[in-house]
Amino acid sequence: CPSRQLLSPQKLVVPLSNSEYKLLRAFLAHPKQILTRDQLLE
């Protein structure tokens, strides 16, 4: 999280844009919950 760096299972760094990082964090904050498009936008 501090560096916003995503590491793959093969130990490769996968670059994320700011919007991709925020979207991933939104999903991680609500695992196994259905999120509508409106909720994800918010």
PDB file of all heavy atoms in Angstrom:
ATOM      1  N   CYS A   1       0.791  -1.226   0.000  1.00  0.00           N
ATOM      2  CA  CYS A   1       0.000   0.000   0.000  1.00  0.00           C
ATOM      3  C   CYS A   1       0.828   1.283   0.000  1.00  0.00           C
ATOM      4  O   CYS A   1       0.509   2.216  -0.754  1.00  0.00           O
ATOM      5  CB  CYS A   1      -0.969  -0.015   1.183  1.00  0.00           C
ATOM      6  SG  CYS A   1      -2.173  -1.354   1.096  1.00  0.00           S
ATOM      7  N   PRO A   2       1.867   1.406   0.821  1.00  0.00           N
ATOM      8  CA  PRO A   2       2.620   2.669   0.823  1.00  0.00           C
ATOM      9  C   PRO A   2       3.182   3.040  -0.538  1.00  0.00           C
ATOM     10  O   PRO A   2       3.182   4.207  -0.927  1.00  0.00           O
ATOM     11  CB  PRO A   2       3.724   2.417   1.851  1.00  0.00           C
ATOM     12  CG  PRO A   2       3.161   1.380   2.763  1.00  0.00           C
ATOM     13  CD  PRO A   2       2.356   0.487   1.873  1.00  0.00           C
ATOM     14  N   SER A   3       3.674   2.038  -1.283  1.00  0.00           N
ATOM     15  CA  SER A   3       4.264   2.306  -2.595  1.00  0.00           C
ATOM     16  C   SER A   3       3.275   2.102  -3.734  1.00  0.00           C
ATOM     17  O   SER A   3       3.586   2.392  -4.891  1.00  0.00           O
ATOM     18  CB  SER A   3       5.477   1.403  -2.825  1.00  0.00           C
ATOM     19  OG  SER A   3       5.084   0.044  -2.894  1.00  0.00           O
ATOM     20  N   ARG A   4       2.086   1.574  -3.392  1.00  0.00           N
ATOM     21  CA  ARG A   4       1.061   1.252  -4.394  1.00  0.00           C
ATOM     22  C   ARG A   4       1.612   0.279  -5.432  1.00  0.00           C
ATOM     23  O   ARG A   4       1.293   0.348  -6.617  1.00  0.00           O
ATOM     24  CB  ARG A   4       0.528   2.514  -5.084  1.00  0.00           C
ATOM     25  CG  ARG A   4      -0.133   3.487  -4.134  1.00  0.00           C
ATOM     26  CD  ARG A   4      -0.860   4.587  -4.869  1.00  0.00           C
ATOM     27  NE  ARG A   4      -1.636   5.397  -3.934  1.00  0.00           N
ATOM     28  CZ  ARG A   4      -2.542   6.298  -4.289  1.00  0.00           C
ATOM     29  NH1 ARG A   4      -2.781   6.519  -5.565  1.00  0.00           N
ATOM     30  NH2 ARG A   4      -3.202   6.978  -3.380  1.00  0.00           N
ATOM     31  N   GLN A   5       2.436  -0.646  -4.986  1.00  0.00           N
ATOM     32  CA  GLN A   5       3.100  -1.596  -5.876  1.00  0.00           C
ATOM     33  C   GLN A   5       2.421  -2.967  -5.775  1.00  0.00           C
ATOM     34  O   GLN A   5       2.225  -3.503  -4.684  1.00  0.00           O
ATOM     35  CB  GLN A   5       4.572  -1.715  -5.502  1.00  0.00           C
ATOM     36  CG  GLN A   5       5.397  -2.474  -6.503  1.00  0.00           C
ATOM     37  CD  GLN A   5       6.871  -2.450  -6.131  1.00  0.00           C
ATOM     38  OE1 GLN A   5       7.324  -3.184  -5.260  1.00  0.00           O
ATOM     39  NE2 GLN A   5       7.624  -1.569  -6.785  1.00  0.00           N
ATOM     40  N   LEU A   6       2.060  -3.506  -6.934  1.00  0.00           N
ATOM     41  CA  LEU A   6       1.418  -4.817  -7.000  1.00  0.00           C
ATOM     42  C   LEU A   6       2.446  -5.843  -7.450  1.00  0.00           C
ATOM     43  O   LEU A   6       3.115  -5.657  -8.476  1.00  0.00           O
ATOM     44  CB  LEU A   6       0.234  -4.775  -7.967  1.00  0.00           C
ATOM     45  CG  LEU A   6      -0.553  -6.074  -8.147  1.00  0.00           C
ATOM     46  CD1 LEU A   6      -1.244  -6.473  -6.843  1.00  0.00           C
ATOM     47  CD2 LEU A   6      -1.589  -5.920  -9.271  1.00  0.00           C
ATOM     48  N   LEU A   7       2.557  -6.925  -6.684  1.00  0.00           N
ATOM     49  CA  LEU A   7       3.523  -7.978  -6.982  1.00  0.00           C
ATOM     50  C   LEU A   7       2.766  -9.246  -7.350  1.00  0.00           C
ATOM     51  O   LEU A   7       1.886  -9.699  -6.611  1.00  0.00           O
ATOM     52  CB  LEU A   7       4.425  -8.232  -5.779  1.00  0.00           C
ATOM     53  CG  LEU A   7       5.731  -8.990  -6.029  1.00  0.00           C
ATOM     54  CD1 LEU A   7       6.666  -8.181  -6.931  1.00  0.00           C
ATOM     55  CD2 LEU A   7       6.411  -9.314  -4.705  1.00  0.00           C
ATOM     56  N   SER A   8       3.091  -9.821  -8.509  1.00  0.00           N
ATOM     57  CA  SER A   8       2.397 -11.013  -8.994  1.00  0.00           C
ATOM     58  C   SER A   8       2.870 -12.257  -8.243  1.00  0.00           C
ATOM     59  O   SER A   8       3.909 -12.225  -7.563  1.00  0.00           O
ATOM     60  CB  SER A   8       2.659 -11.194 -10.488  1.00  0.00           C
ATOM     61  OG  SER A   8       3.988 -11.651 -10.701  1.00  0.00           O
ATOM     62  N   PRO A   9       2.176 -13.389  -8.386  1.00  0.00           N
ATOM     63  CA  PRO A   9       2.641 -14.637  -7.756  1.00  0.00           C
ATOM     64  C   PRO A   9       4.026 -15.058  -8.251  1.00  0.00           C
ATOM     65  O   PRO A   9       4.722 -15.808  -7.566  1.00  0.00           O
ATOM     66  CB  PRO A   9       1.570 -15.651  -8.176  1.00  0.00           C
ATOM     67  CG  PRO A   9       0.338 -14.826  -8.381  1.00  0.00           C
ATOM     68  CD  PRO A   9       0.833 -13.544  -8.973  1.00  0.00           C
ATOM     69  N   GLN A  10       4.407 -14.566  -9.452  1.00  0.00           N
ATOM     70  CA  GLN A  10       5.735 -14.880  -9.990  1.00  0.00           C
ATOM     71  C   GLN A  10       6.784 -13.853  -9.537  1.00  0.00           C
ATOM     72  O   GLN A  10       7.900 -13.805 -10.069  1.00  0.00           O
ATOM     73  CB  GLN A  10       5.682 -14.909 -11.520  1.00  0.00           C
ATOM     74  CG  GLN A  10       4.863 -16.057 -12.102  1.00  0.00           C
ATOM     75  CD  GLN A  10       3.360 -15.818 -11.962  1.00  0.00           C
ATOM     76  OE1 GLN A  10       2.908 -14.670 -12.056  1.00  0.00           O
ATOM     77  NE2 GLN A  10       2.605 -16.887 -11.753  1.00  0.00           N
ATOM     78  N   LYS A  11       6.410 -12.985  -8.580  1.00  0.00           N
ATOM     79  CA  LYS A  11       7.291 -11.964  -8.009  1.00  0.00           C
ATOM     80  C   LYS A  11       7.643 -10.861  -9.013  1.00  0.00           C
ATOM     81  O   LYS A  11       8.704 -10.227  -8.915  1.00  0.00           O
ATOM     82  CB  LYS A  11       8.587 -12.586  -7.458  1.00  0.00           C
ATOM     83  CG  LYS A  11       8.373 -13.763  -6.533  1.00  0.00           C
ATOM     84  CD  LYS A  11       7.503 -13.402  -5.338  1.00  0.00           C
ATOM     85  CE  LYS A  11       7.326 -14.598  -4.403  1.00  0.00           C
ATOM     86  NZ  LYS A  11       6.400 -14.293  -3.282  1.00  0.00           N
ATOM     87  N   LEU A  12       6.753 -10.624  -9.964  1.00  0.00           N
ATOM     88  CA  LEU A  12       6.951  -9.564 -10.937  1.00  0.00           C
ATOM     89  C   LEU A  12       6.141  -8.340 -10.521  1.00  0.00           C
ATOM     90  O   LEU A  12       4.991  -8.461 -10.079  1.00  0.00           O
ATOM     91  CB  LEU A  12       6.515 -10.010 -12.337  1.00  0.00           C
ATOM     92  CG  LEU A  12       7.261 -11.212 -12.919  1.00  0.00           C
ATOM     93  CD1 LEU A  12       6.643 -11.614 -14.260  1.00  0.00           C
ATOM     94  CD2 LEU A  12       8.741 -10.894 -13.088  1.00  0.00           C
ATOM     95  N   VAL A  13       6.731  -7.148 -10.667  1.00  0.00           N
ATOM     96  CA  VAL A  13       6.028  -5.912 -10.334  1.00  0.00           C
ATOM     97  C   VAL A  13       5.075  -5.558 -11.469  1.00  0.00           C
ATOM     98  O   VAL A  13       5.471  -5.484 -12.636  1.00  0.00           O
ATOM     99  CB  VAL A  13       7.028  -4.758 -10.104  1.00  0.00           C
ATOM    100  CG1 VAL A  13       6.270  -3.451  -9.881  1.00  0.00           C
ATOM    101  CG2 VAL A  13       7.932  -5.071  -8.926  1.00  0.00           C
ATOM    102  N   VAL A  14       3.811  -5.362 -11.110  1.00  0.00           N
ATOM    103  CA  VAL A  14       2.789  -5.003 -12.093  1.00  0.00           C
ATOM    104  C   VAL A  14       2.393  -3.545 -11.849  1.00  0.00           C
ATOM    105  O   VAL A  14       1.827  -3.224 -10.799  1.00  0.00           O
ATOM    106  CB  VAL A  14       1.551  -5.915 -11.965  1.00  0.00           C
ATOM    107  CG1 VAL A  14       0.491  -5.505 -12.979  1.00  0.00           C
ATOM    108  CG2 VAL A  14       1.948  -7.376 -12.149  1.00  0.00           C
ATOM    109  N   PRO A  15       2.695  -2.641 -12.769  1.00  0.00           N
ATOM    110  CA  PRO A  15       2.365  -1.231 -12.555  1.00  0.00           C
ATOM    111  C   PRO A  15       0.858  -0.991 -12.580  1.00  0.00           C
ATOM    112  O   PRO A  15       0.138  -1.578 -13.390  1.00  0.00           O
ATOM    113  CB  PRO A  15       3.055  -0.526 -13.729  1.00  0.00           C
ATOM    114  CG  PRO A  15       3.163  -1.576 -14.796  1.00  0.00           C
ATOM    115  CD  PRO A  15       3.375  -2.871 -14.068  1.00  0.00           C
ATOM    116  N   LEU A  16       0.415  -0.128 -11.686  1.00  0.00           N
ATOM    117  CA  LEU A  16      -1.001   0.235 -11.619  1.00  0.00           C
ATOM    118  C   LEU A  16      -1.141   1.744 -11.781  1.00  0.00           C
ATOM    119  O   LEU A  16      -0.385   2.511 -11.188  1.00  0.00           O
ATOM    120  CB  LEU A  16      -1.611  -0.175 -10.268  1.00  0.00           C
ATOM    121  CG  LEU A  16      -1.724  -1.660  -9.938  1.00  0.00           C
ATOM    122  CD1 LEU A  16      -2.271  -1.827  -8.524  1.00  0.00           C
ATOM    123  CD2 LEU A  16      -2.609  -2.382 -10.936  1.00  0.00           C
ATOM    124  N   SER A  17      -2.119   2.158 -12.568  1.00  0.00           N
ATOM    125  CA  SER A  17      -2.444   3.582 -12.627  1.00  0.00           C
ATOM    126  C   SER A  17      -3.148   3.966 -11.332  1.00  0.00           C
ATOM    127  O   SER A  17      -3.555   3.100 -10.544  1.00  0.00           O
ATOM    128  CB  SER A  17      -3.347   3.875 -13.818  1.00  0.00           C
ATOM    129  OG  SER A  17      -4.627   3.289 -13.625  1.00  0.00           O
ATOM    130  N   ASN A  18      -3.310   5.256 -11.104  1.00  0.00           N
ATOM    131  CA  ASN A  18      -3.978   5.716  -9.892  1.00  0.00           C
ATOM    132  C   ASN A  18      -5.399   5.177  -9.812  1.00  0.00           C
ATOM    133  O   ASN A  18      -5.847   4.718  -8.759  1.00  0.00           O
ATOM    134  CB  ASN A  18      -3.992   7.242  -9.852  1.00  0.00           C
ATOM    135  CG  ASN A  18      -4.571   7.776  -8.558  1.00  0.00           C
ATOM    136  OD1 ASN A  18      -4.143   7.408  -7.472  1.00  0.00           O
ATOM    137  ND2 ASN A  18      -5.560   8.655  -8.658  1.00  0.00           N
ATOM    138  N   SER A  19      -6.130   5.211 -10.919  1.00  0.00           N
ATOM    139  CA  SER A  19      -7.510   4.728 -10.921  1.00  0.00           C
ATOM    140  C   SER A  19      -7.572   3.218 -10.725  1.00  0.00           C
ATOM    141  O   SER A  19      -8.474   2.705 -10.050  1.00  0.00           O
ATOM    142  CB  SER A  19      -8.218   5.129 -12.214  1.00  0.00           C
ATOM    143  OG  SER A  19      -7.561   4.575 -13.343  1.00  0.00           O
ATOM    144  N   GLU A  20      -6.614   2.474 -11.300  1.00  0.00           N
ATOM    145  CA  GLU A  20      -6.591   1.026 -11.118  1.00  0.00           C
ATOM    146  C   GLU A  20      -6.293   0.664  -9.668  1.00  0.00           C
ATOM    147  O   GLU A  20      -6.890  -0.270  -9.119  1.00  0.00           O
ATOM    148  CB  GLU A  20      -5.548   0.403 -12.043  1.00  0.00           C
ATOM    149  CG  GLU A  20      -5.935   0.462 -13.514  1.00  0.00           C
ATOM    150  CD  GLU A  20      -4.773   0.172 -14.439  1.00  0.00           C
ATOM    151  OE1 GLU A  20      -3.605   0.088 -13.950  1.00  0.00           O
ATOM    152  OE2 GLU A  20      -4.996   0.050 -15.649  1.00  0.00           O
ATOM    153  N   TYR A  21      -5.380   1.413  -9.048  1.00  0.00           N
ATOM    154  CA  TYR A  21      -5.064   1.168  -7.639  1.00  0.00           C
ATOM    155  C   TYR A  21      -6.296   1.416  -6.766  1.00  0.00           C
ATOM    156  O   TYR A  21      -6.627   0.602  -5.889  1.00  0.00           O
ATOM    157  CB  TYR A  21      -3.920   2.069  -7.201  1.00  0.00           C
ATOM    158  CG  TYR A  21      -3.654   2.036  -5.708  1.00  0.00           C
ATOM    159  CD1 TYR A  21      -2.974   0.970  -5.128  1.00  0.00           C
ATOM    160  CD2 TYR A  21      -4.112   3.058  -4.882  1.00  0.00           C
ATOM    161  CE1 TYR A  21      -2.745   0.922  -3.755  1.00  0.00           C
ATOM    162  CE2 TYR A  21      -3.887   3.022  -3.515  1.00  0.00           C
ATOM    163  CZ  TYR A  21      -3.205   1.951  -2.957  1.00  0.00           C
ATOM    164  OH  TYR A  21      -2.989   1.919  -1.602  1.00  0.00           O
ATOM    165  N   LYS A  22      -7.001   2.522  -6.996  1.00  0.00           N
ATOM    166  CA  LYS A  22      -8.183   2.844  -6.195  1.00  0.00           C
ATOM    167  C   LYS A  22      -9.286   1.822  -6.403  1.00  0.00           C
ATOM    168  O   LYS A  22     -10.000   1.457  -5.461  1.00  0.00           O
ATOM    169  CB  LYS A  22      -8.684   4.241  -6.540  1.00  0.00           C
ATOM    170  CG  LYS A  22      -7.778   5.355  -6.044  1.00  0.00           C
ATOM    171  CD  LYS A  22      -8.367   6.724  -6.363  1.00  0.00           C
ATOM    172  CE  LYS A  22      -7.493   7.837  -5.813  1.00  0.00           C
ATOM    173  NZ  LYS A  22      -8.058   9.179  -6.119  1.00  0.00           N
ATOM    174  N   LEU A  23      -9.436   1.348  -7.641  1.00  0.00           N
ATOM    175  CA  LEU A  23     -10.456   0.335  -7.912  1.00  0.00           C
ATOM    176  C   LEU A  23     -10.119  -0.969  -7.200  1.00  0.00           C
ATOM    177  O   LEU A  23     -11.004  -1.597  -6.589  1.00  0.00           O
ATOM    178  CB  LEU A  23     -10.566   0.104  -9.422  1.00  0.00           C
ATOM    179  CG  LEU A  23     -11.614  -0.920  -9.866  1.00  0.00           C
ATOM    180  CD1 LEU A  23     -13.007  -0.481  -9.447  1.00  0.00           C
ATOM    181  CD2 LEU A  23     -11.554  -1.131 -11.380  1.00  0.00           C
ATOM    182  N   LEU A  24      -8.849  -1.369  -7.251  1.00  0.00           N
ATOM    183  CA  LEU A  24      -8.444  -2.595  -6.555  1.00  0.00           C
ATOM    184  C   LEU A  24      -8.657  -2.450  -5.056  1.00  0.00           C
ATOM    185  O   LEU A  24      -9.141  -3.381  -4.395  1.00  0.00           O
ATOM    186  CB  LEU A  24      -6.972  -2.909  -6.857  1.00  0.00           C
ATOM    187  CG  LEU A  24      -6.393  -4.160  -6.188  1.00  0.00           C
ATOM    188  CD1 LEU A  24      -7.216  -5.398  -6.526  1.00  0.00           C
ATOM    189  CD2 LEU A  24      -4.931  -4.356  -6.589  1.00  0.00           C
ATOM    190  N   ARG A  25      -8.323  -1.285  -4.495  1.00  0.00           N
ATOM    191  CA  ARG A  25      -8.538  -1.064  -3.071  1.00  0.00           C
ATOM    192  C   ARG A  25     -10.022  -1.132  -2.720  1.00  0.00           C
ATOM    193  O   ARG A  25     -10.401  -1.628  -1.650  1.00  0.00           O
ATOM    194  CB  ARG A  25      -7.961   0.296  -2.656  1.00  0.00           C
ATOM    195  CG  ARG A  25      -6.449   0.317  -2.543  1.00  0.00           C
ATOM    196  CD  ARG A  25      -5.957  -0.554  -1.392  1.00  0.00           C
ATOM    197  NE  ARG A  25      -6.457  -0.076  -0.128  1.00  0.00           N
ATOM    198  CZ  ARG A  25      -5.827   0.778   0.670  1.00  0.00           C
ATOM    199  NH1 ARG A  25      -4.658   1.264   0.286  1.00  0.00           N
ATOM    200  NH2 ARG A  25      -6.335   1.145   1.818  1.00  0.00           N
ATOM    201  N   ALA A  26     -10.877  -0.625  -3.604  1.00  0.00           N
ATOM    202  CA  ALA A  26     -12.321  -0.695  -3.356  1.00  0.00           C
ATOM    203  C   ALA A  26     -12.776  -2.147  -3.294  1.00  0.00           C
ATOM    204  O   ALA A  26     -13.555  -2.527  -2.415  1.00  0.00           O
ATOM    205  CB  ALA A  26     -13.077   0.061  -4.447  1.00  0.00           C
ATOM    206  N   PHE A  27     -12.280  -2.975  -4.216  1.00  0.00           N
ATOM    207  CA  PHE A  27     -12.645  -4.393  -4.193  1.00  0.00           C
ATOM    208  C   PHE A  27     -12.079  -5.077  -2.948  1.00  0.00           C
ATOM    209  O   PHE A  27     -12.758  -5.900  -2.314  1.00  0.00           O
ATOM    210  CB  PHE A  27     -12.129  -5.095  -5.454  1.00  0.00           C
ATOM    211  CG  PHE A  27     -12.981  -4.889  -6.669  1.00  0.00           C
ATOM    212  CD1 PHE A  27     -12.452  -4.310  -7.810  1.00  0.00           C
ATOM    213  CD2 PHE A  27     -14.314  -5.281  -6.681  1.00  0.00           C
ATOM    214  CE1 PHE A  27     -13.230  -4.119  -8.937  1.00  0.00           C
ATOM    215  CE2 PHE A  27     -15.100  -5.096  -7.807  1.00  0.00           C
ATOM    216  CZ  PHE A  27     -14.573  -4.513  -8.940  1.00  0.00           C
ATOM    217  N   LEU A  28     -10.838  -4.766  -2.586  1.00  0.00           N
ATOM    218  CA  LEU A  28     -10.226  -5.378  -1.409  1.00  0.00           C
ATOM    219  C   LEU A  28     -10.940  -4.982  -0.122  1.00  0.00           C
ATOM    220  O   LEU A  28     -10.956  -5.741   0.846  1.00  0.00           O
ATOM    221  CB  LEU A  28      -8.749  -4.978  -1.327  1.00  0.00           C
ATOM    222  CG  LEU A  28      -7.828  -5.574  -2.397  1.00  0.00           C
ATOM    223  CD1 LEU A  28      -6.459  -4.912  -2.348  1.00  0.00           C
ATOM    224  CD2 LEU A  28      -7.703  -7.085  -2.220  1.00  0.00           C
ATOM    225  N   ALA A  29     -11.525  -3.779  -0.115  1.00  0.00           N
ATOM    226  CA  ALA A  29     -12.244  -3.321   1.069  1.00  0.00           C
ATOM    227  C   ALA A  29     -13.599  -4.015   1.216  1.00  0.00           C
ATOM    228  O   ALA A  29     -14.184  -4.019   2.305  1.00  0.00           O
ATOM    229  CB  ALA A  29     -12.450  -1.808   1.017  1.00  0.00           C
ATOM    230  N   HIS A  30     -14.088  -4.607   0.113  1.00  0.00           N
ATOM    231  CA  HIS A  30     -15.405  -5.259   0.149  1.00  0.00           C
ATOM    232  C   HIS A  30     -15.339  -6.620  -0.541  1.00  0.00           C
ATOM    233  O   HIS A  30     -16.020  -6.853  -1.538  1.00  0.00           O
ATOM    234  CB  HIS A  30     -16.455  -4.379  -0.531  1.00  0.00           C
ATOM    235  CG  HIS A  30     -16.586  -3.023   0.069  1.00  0.00           C
ATOM    236  ND1 HIS A  30     -17.224  -2.792   1.268  1.00  0.00           N
ATOM    237  CD2 HIS A  30     -16.139  -1.820  -0.352  1.00  0.00           C
ATOM    238  CE1 HIS A  30     -17.179  -1.508   1.548  1.00  0.00           C
ATOM    239  NE2 HIS A  30     -16.521  -0.898   0.594  1.00  0.00           N
ATOM    240  N   PRO A  31     -14.519  -7.550  -0.028  1.00  0.00           N
ATOM    241  CA  PRO A  31     -14.408  -8.857  -0.674  1.00  0.00           C
ATOM    242  C   PRO A  31     -15.718  -9.644  -0.593  1.00  0.00           C
ATOM    243  O   PRO A  31     -16.451  -9.561   0.392  1.00  0.00           O
ATOM    244  CB  PRO A  31     -13.300  -9.548   0.136  1.00  0.00           C
ATOM    245  CG  PRO A  31     -13.368  -8.896   1.489  1.00  0.00           C
ATOM    246  CD  PRO A  31     -13.736  -7.466   1.212  1.00  0.00           C
ATOM    247  N   LYS A  32     -16.014 -10.345  -1.679  1.00  0.00           N
ATOM    248  CA  LYS A  32     -17.180 -11.237  -1.758  1.00  0.00           C
ATOM    249  C   LYS A  32     -18.512 -10.481  -1.612  1.00  0.00           C
ATOM    250  O   LYS A  32     -19.519 -11.061  -1.238  1.00  0.00           O
ATOM    251  CB  LYS A  32     -17.083 -12.357  -0.726  1.00  0.00           C
ATOM    252  CG  LYS A  32     -15.842 -13.227  -0.889  1.00  0.00           C
ATOM    253  CD  LYS A  32     -15.843 -14.411   0.046  1.00  0.00           C
ATOM    254  CE  LYS A  32     -14.538 -15.199  -0.051  1.00  0.00           C
ATOM    255  NZ  LYS A  32     -14.292 -15.734  -1.389  1.00  0.00           N
ATOM    256  N   GLN A  33     -18.497  -9.182  -1.912  1.00  0.00           N
ATOM    257  CA  GLN A  33     -19.722  -8.383  -1.924  1.00  0.00           C
ATOM    258  C   GLN A  33     -19.968  -7.868  -3.333  1.00  0.00           C
ATOM    259  O   GLN A  33     -19.041  -7.406  -3.995  1.00  0.00           O
ATOM    260  CB  GLN A  33     -19.615  -7.191  -0.973  1.00  0.00           C
ATOM    261  CG  GLN A  33     -19.524  -7.567   0.492  1.00  0.00           C
ATOM    262  CD  GLN A  33     -19.518  -6.329   1.376  1.00  0.00           C
ATOM    263  OE1 GLN A  33     -20.147  -5.325   1.060  1.00  0.00           O
ATOM    264  NE2 GLN A  33     -18.794  -6.386   2.468  1.00  0.00           N
ATOM    265  N   ILE A  34     -21.210  -7.945  -3.777  1.00  0.00           N
ATOM    266  CA  ILE A  34     -21.546  -7.405  -5.084  1.00  0.00           C
ATOM    267  C   ILE A  34     -21.532  -5.884  -5.002  1.00  0.00           C
ATOM    268  O   ILE A  34     -22.186  -5.288  -4.159  1.00  0.00           O
ATOM    269  CB  ILE A  34     -22.935  -7.889  -5.544  1.00  0.00           C
ATOM    270  CG1 ILE A  34     -22.943  -9.412  -5.706  1.00  0.00           C
ATOM    271  CG2 ILE A  34     -23.326  -7.218  -6.866  1.00  0.00           C
ATOM    272  CD1 ILE A  34     -24.314  -9.985  -6.018  1.00  0.00           C
ATOM    273  N   LEU A  35     -20.757  -5.256  -5.881  1.00  0.00           N
ATOM    274  CA  LEU A  35     -20.678  -3.807  -5.951  1.00  0.00           C
ATOM    275  C   LEU A  35     -21.235  -3.359  -7.293  1.00  0.00           C
ATOM    276  O   LEU A  35     -20.778  -3.824  -8.342  1.00  0.00           O
ATOM    277  CB  LEU A  35     -19.237  -3.323  -5.803  1.00  0.00           C
ATOM    278  CG  LEU A  35     -18.546  -3.656  -4.476  1.00  0.00           C
ATOM    279  CD1 LEU A  35     -17.092  -3.217  -4.518  1.00  0.00           C
ATOM    280  CD2 LEU A  35     -19.263  -2.992  -3.314  1.00  0.00           C
ATOM    281  N   THR A  36     -22.220  -2.477  -7.274  1.00  0.00           N
ATOM    282  CA  THR A  36     -22.787  -1.971  -8.518  1.00  0.00           C
ATOM    283  C   THR A  36     -21.812  -1.003  -9.170  1.00  0.00           C
ATOM    284  O   THR A  36     -20.854  -0.537  -8.551  1.00  0.00           O
ATOM    285  CB  THR A  36     -24.121  -1.250  -8.267  1.00  0.00           C
ATOM    286  OG1 THR A  36     -23.872  -0.044  -7.521  1.00  0.00           O
ATOM    287  CG2 THR A  36     -25.081  -2.135  -7.481  1.00  0.00           C
ATOM    288  N   ARG A  37     -22.082  -0.659 -10.413  1.00  0.00           N
ATOM    289  CA  ARG A  37     -21.228   0.300 -11.107  1.00  0.00           C
ATOM    290  C   ARG A  37     -21.255   1.659 -10.414  1.00  0.00           C
ATOM    291  O   ARG A  37     -20.233   2.333 -10.301  1.00  0.00           O
ATOM    292  CB  ARG A  37     -21.655   0.409 -12.567  1.00  0.00           C
ATOM    293  CG  ARG A  37     -21.330  -0.838 -13.387  1.00  0.00           C
ATOM    294  CD  ARG A  37     -21.983  -0.805 -14.756  1.00  0.00           C
ATOM    295  NE  ARG A  37     -21.575  -1.940 -15.571  1.00  0.00           N
ATOM    296  CZ  ARG A  37     -22.107  -3.166 -15.454  1.00  0.00           C
ATOM    297  NH1 ARG A  37     -23.055  -3.395 -14.554  1.00  0.00           N
ATOM    298  NH2 ARG A  37     -21.686  -4.159 -16.233  1.00  0.00           N
ATOM    299  N   ASP A  38     -22.435   2.071  -9.959  1.00  0.00           N
ATOM    300  CA  ASP A  38     -22.545   3.343  -9.250  1.00  0.00           C
ATOM    301  C   ASP A  38     -21.714   3.328  -7.975  1.00  0.00           C
ATOM    302  O   ASP A  38     -21.041   4.312  -7.637  1.00  0.00           O
ATOM    303  CB  ASP A  38     -24.008   3.648  -8.905  1.00  0.00           C
ATOM    304  CG  ASP A  38     -24.803   4.120 -10.112  1.00  0.00           C
ATOM    305  OD1 ASP A  38     -24.179   4.523 -11.109  1.00  0.00           O
ATOM    306  OD2 ASP A  38     -26.044   4.082 -10.060  1.00  0.00           O
ATOM    307  N   GLN A  39     -21.758   2.224  -7.247  1.00  0.00           N
ATOM    308  CA  GLN A  39     -20.989   2.122  -6.013  1.00  0.00           C
ATOM    309  C   GLN A  39     -19.494   2.161  -6.308  1.00  0.00           C
ATOM    310  O   GLN A  39     -18.727   2.809  -5.586  1.00  0.00           O
ATOM    311  CB  GLN A  39     -21.354   0.836  -5.268  1.00  0.00           C
ATOM    312  CG  GLN A  39     -22.740   0.874  -4.646  1.00  0.00           C
ATOM    313  CD  GLN A  39     -23.171  -0.482  -4.123  1.00  0.00           C
ATOM    314  OE1 GLN A  39     -22.574  -1.513  -4.418  1.00  0.00           O
ATOM    315  NE2 GLN A  39     -24.255  -0.489  -3.344  1.00  0.00           N
ATOM    316  N   LEU A  40     -19.077   1.488  -7.368  1.00  0.00           N
ATOM    317  CA  LEU A  40     -17.654   1.485  -7.723  1.00  0.00           C
ATOM    318  C   LEU A  40     -17.192   2.859  -8.172  1.00  0.00           C
ATOM    319  O   LEU A  40     -16.071   3.284  -7.854  1.00  0.00           O
ATOM    320  CB  LEU A  40     -17.395   0.450  -8.818  1.00  0.00           C
ATOM    321  CG  LEU A  40     -17.448  -1.006  -8.349  1.00  0.00           C
ATOM    322  CD1 LEU A  40     -17.433  -1.960  -9.534  1.00  0.00           C
ATOM    323  CD2 LEU A  40     -16.295  -1.324  -7.404  1.00  0.00           C
ATOM    324  N   LEU A  41     -18.050   3.588  -8.901  1.00  0.00           N
ATOM    325  CA  LEU A  41     -17.710   4.953  -9.274  1.00  0.00           C
ATOM    326  C   LEU A  41     -17.489   5.808  -8.043  1.00  0.00           C
ATOM    327  O   LEU A  41     -16.539   6.589  -7.956  1.00  0.00           O
ATOM    328  CB  LEU A  41     -18.830   5.563 -10.131  1.00  0.00           C
ATOM    329  CG  LEU A  41     -18.863   5.176 -11.605  1.00  0.00           C
ATOM    330  CD1 LEU A  41     -20.151   5.677 -12.248  1.00  0.00           C
ATOM    331  CD2 LEU A  41     -17.661   5.732 -12.342  1.00  0.00           C
ATOM    332  N   GLU A  42     -18.362   5.627  -7.068  1.00  0.00           N
ATOM    333  CA  GLU A  42     -18.276   6.412  -5.832  1.00  0.00           C
ATOM    334  C   GLU A  42     -17.059   6.021  -5.007  1.00  0.00           C
ATOM    335  O   GLU A  42     -16.334   6.884  -4.500  1.00  0.00           O
ATOM    336  CB  GLU A  42     -19.550   6.204  -5.021  1.00  0.00           C
ATOM    337  CG  GLU A  42     -19.591   6.954  -3.708  1.00  0.00           C
ATOM    338  CD  GLU A  42     -20.852   6.621  -2.935  1.00  0.00           C
ATOM    339  OE1 GLU A  42     -21.931   6.624  -3.521  1.00  0.00           O
ATOM    340  OE2 GLU A  42     -20.734   6.330  -1.747  1.00  0.00           O
TER     341      GLU A  42
END
